[in-house]
Amino acid sequence: MTPPVMRKELLTAMIDSDKSVSRVEIQEATMGPGIKAPLHLHPCPTVGVITEGSISFQIEGQPVQHLKVGDAFYEPVNVRVAKFDNDSDTPAKFVVFYLLGKDEKETVRILAKRSSLWRNMSHMCRSKPSFQG
């Protein structure tokens, strides 16, 4: 008999102990086939999980990781992400969690553009209004 709840550890990420998280912004992103993200960083701790397709992921100075459905990733604060690319011929989808402090709004900072498709990425990834009950 299968247990009613099963858990599988995906990732444990160590964030700066001085980091105060007051809210989490969650976004679902879809990257078209062959789309390559520009060199970027996140001014907040960022974690996510691949839900469709696959992604080639590389923190600058580290080996490339090939993420598939169910794989989790962590992008530390202010560390350059050299590669976050959909190298396949099908769309890739992922859910990303931005761990934000009280007055933080910026979730991504583009450092170099690879193509015109990413011109508005910074604008699209800024915090959106949230419901506060």
Protein backbone atom coordinates (compact mmCIF):
# COMPACT_ATOMS: atom_id res chain seq x y z
CA MET A 1 0.00 0.00 0.00
CA THR A 2 1.27 3.47 -0.92
CA PRO A 3 1.47 5.93 1.97
CA PRO A 4 -1.01 8.84 1.69
CA VAL A 5 1.85 11.37 1.63
CA MET A 6 5.31 10.77 0.22
CA ARG A 7 8.16 13.26 0.46
CA LYS A 8 11.30 13.47 -1.63
CA GLU A 9 14.10 15.86 -0.73
CA LEU A 10 14.90 18.07 -3.71
CA LEU A 11 17.31 20.67 -2.34
CA THR A 12 18.76 22.13 0.82
CA ALA A 13 20.12 25.64 0.27
CA MET A 14 22.12 27.50 2.88
CA ILE A 15 21.26 31.21 2.83
CA ASP A 16 23.06 33.99 4.67
CA SER A 17 22.09 33.85 8.33
CA ASP A 18 21.79 37.67 8.31
CA LYS A 19 19.09 37.50 5.61
CA SER A 20 15.65 38.45 6.87
CA VAL A 21 12.90 37.08 4.64
CA SER A 22 9.56 38.79 5.04
CA ARG A 23 7.87 37.54 1.88
CA VAL A 24 8.27 35.00 -0.89
CA GLU A 25 7.37 35.85 -4.47
CA ILE A 26 6.61 32.79 -6.59
CA GLN A 27 6.59 32.90 -10.38
CA GLU A 28 6.10 30.30 -13.08
CA ALA A 29 8.29 30.90 -16.12
CA THR A 30 8.24 29.29 -19.55
CA MET A 31 11.25 29.45 -21.87
CA GLY A 32 10.75 28.68 -25.54
CA PRO A 33 12.89 26.15 -27.36
CA GLY A 34 16.52 27.25 -27.70
CA ILE A 35 16.11 30.34 -25.49
CA LYS A 36 19.24 31.28 -23.55
CA ALA A 37 19.09 33.57 -20.53
CA PRO A 38 21.56 36.45 -20.39
CA LEU A 39 24.28 36.70 -17.75
CA HIS A 40 22.38 37.77 -14.63
CA LEU A 41 22.23 37.69 -10.86
CA HIS A 42 19.57 37.83 -8.20
CA PRO A 43 19.79 40.38 -5.36
CA CYS A 44 17.77 37.93 -3.22
CA PRO A 45 18.13 34.19 -2.60
CA THR A 46 16.36 32.34 -5.40
CA VAL A 47 15.26 28.70 -5.51
CA GLY A 48 13.19 26.83 -8.02
CA VAL A 49 12.14 23.55 -9.56
CA ILE A 50 11.87 22.43 -13.18
CA THR A 51 8.31 21.37 -14.04
CA GLU A 52 8.60 20.75 -17.80
CA GLY A 53 11.50 20.24 -20.21
CA SER A 54 15.13 20.70 -19.24
CA ILE A 55 17.55 23.53 -18.44
CA SER A 56 21.33 23.86 -18.63
CA PHE A 57 22.27 25.76 -15.47
CA GLN A 58 25.63 27.19 -14.44
CA ILE A 59 26.75 29.43 -11.63
CA GLU A 60 29.81 31.33 -12.88
CA GLY A 61 32.99 29.34 -12.15
CA GLN A 62 31.14 26.07 -11.50
CA PRO A 63 30.37 23.13 -13.81
CA VAL A 64 27.20 23.14 -15.92
CA GLN A 65 24.30 21.21 -14.42
CA HIS A 66 21.65 19.62 -16.65
CA LEU A 67 18.33 20.00 -14.85
CA LYS A 68 15.31 17.90 -15.78
CA VAL A 69 11.72 17.72 -14.52
CA GLY A 70 11.67 17.53 -10.72
CA ASP A 71 15.22 18.91 -10.27
CA ALA A 72 15.61 21.89 -7.96
CA PHE A 73 18.11 24.74 -8.23
CA TYR A 74 19.50 27.50 -6.02
CA GLU A 75 20.88 30.85 -7.15
CA PRO A 76 22.66 32.58 -4.23
CA VAL A 77 22.43 36.33 -3.61
CA ASN A 78 24.49 38.46 -6.03
CA VAL A 79 26.23 35.47 -7.64
CA ARG A 80 26.51 35.60 -11.42
CA VAL A 81 24.42 33.02 -13.25
CA ALA A 82 26.39 32.28 -16.42
CA LYS A 83 23.89 29.89 -17.93
CA PHE A 84 20.19 29.19 -17.54
CA ASP A 85 19.34 27.91 -20.98
CA ASN A 86 16.73 25.81 -22.67
CA ASP A 87 18.98 23.90 -25.07
CA SER A 88 16.16 21.63 -26.21
CA ASP A 89 13.65 21.89 -29.04
CA THR A 90 10.66 21.94 -26.66
CA PRO A 91 9.55 24.58 -24.12
CA ALA A 92 10.89 24.43 -20.56
CA LYS A 93 8.87 25.51 -17.56
CA PHE A 94 9.99 26.16 -13.99
CA VAL A 95 8.63 27.62 -10.77
CA VAL A 96 10.93 30.07 -9.01
CA PHE A 97 10.76 31.35 -5.42
CA TYR A 98 12.32 34.75 -4.63
CA LEU A 99 13.05 35.17 -0.90
CA LEU A 100 12.62 38.90 -0.35
CA GLY A 101 13.27 41.20 2.58
CA LYS A 102 10.75 43.76 3.79
CA ASP A 103 11.61 46.54 1.34
CA GLU A 104 13.10 44.46 -1.49
CA LYS A 105 11.40 44.58 -4.87
CA GLU A 106 14.08 43.62 -7.40
CA THR A 107 14.27 39.91 -8.21
CA VAL A 108 16.73 39.82 -11.12
CA ARG A 109 19.48 42.04 -12.53
CA ILE A 110 20.57 41.52 -16.14
CA LEU A 111 24.35 41.93 -16.56
CA ALA A 112 24.73 41.19 -20.29
CA LYS A 113 22.15 40.67 -22.99
CA ARG A 114 22.38 37.66 -25.29
CA SER A 115 19.49 38.62 -27.55
CA SER A 116 16.72 41.14 -28.08
CA LEU A 117 14.24 38.67 -26.54
CA TRP A 118 15.60 39.57 -23.11
CA ARG A 119 15.48 43.38 -23.39
CA ASN A 120 12.48 43.56 -21.04
CA MET A 121 13.41 40.71 -18.69
CA SER A 122 14.28 43.01 -15.77
CA HIS A 123 10.94 44.78 -16.11
CA MET A 124 8.98 41.51 -16.33
CA CYS A 125 10.66 40.06 -13.23
CA ARG A 126 10.06 42.96 -10.88
CA SER A 127 7.71 42.39 -8.01
CA LYS A 128 4.06 42.48 -8.87
CA PRO A 129 1.36 43.70 -6.49
CA SER A 130 0.30 40.99 -4.08
CA PHE A 131 -2.87 40.39 -2.15
CA GLN A 132 -2.53 41.20 1.51
CA GLY A 133 -5.51 40.12 3.60
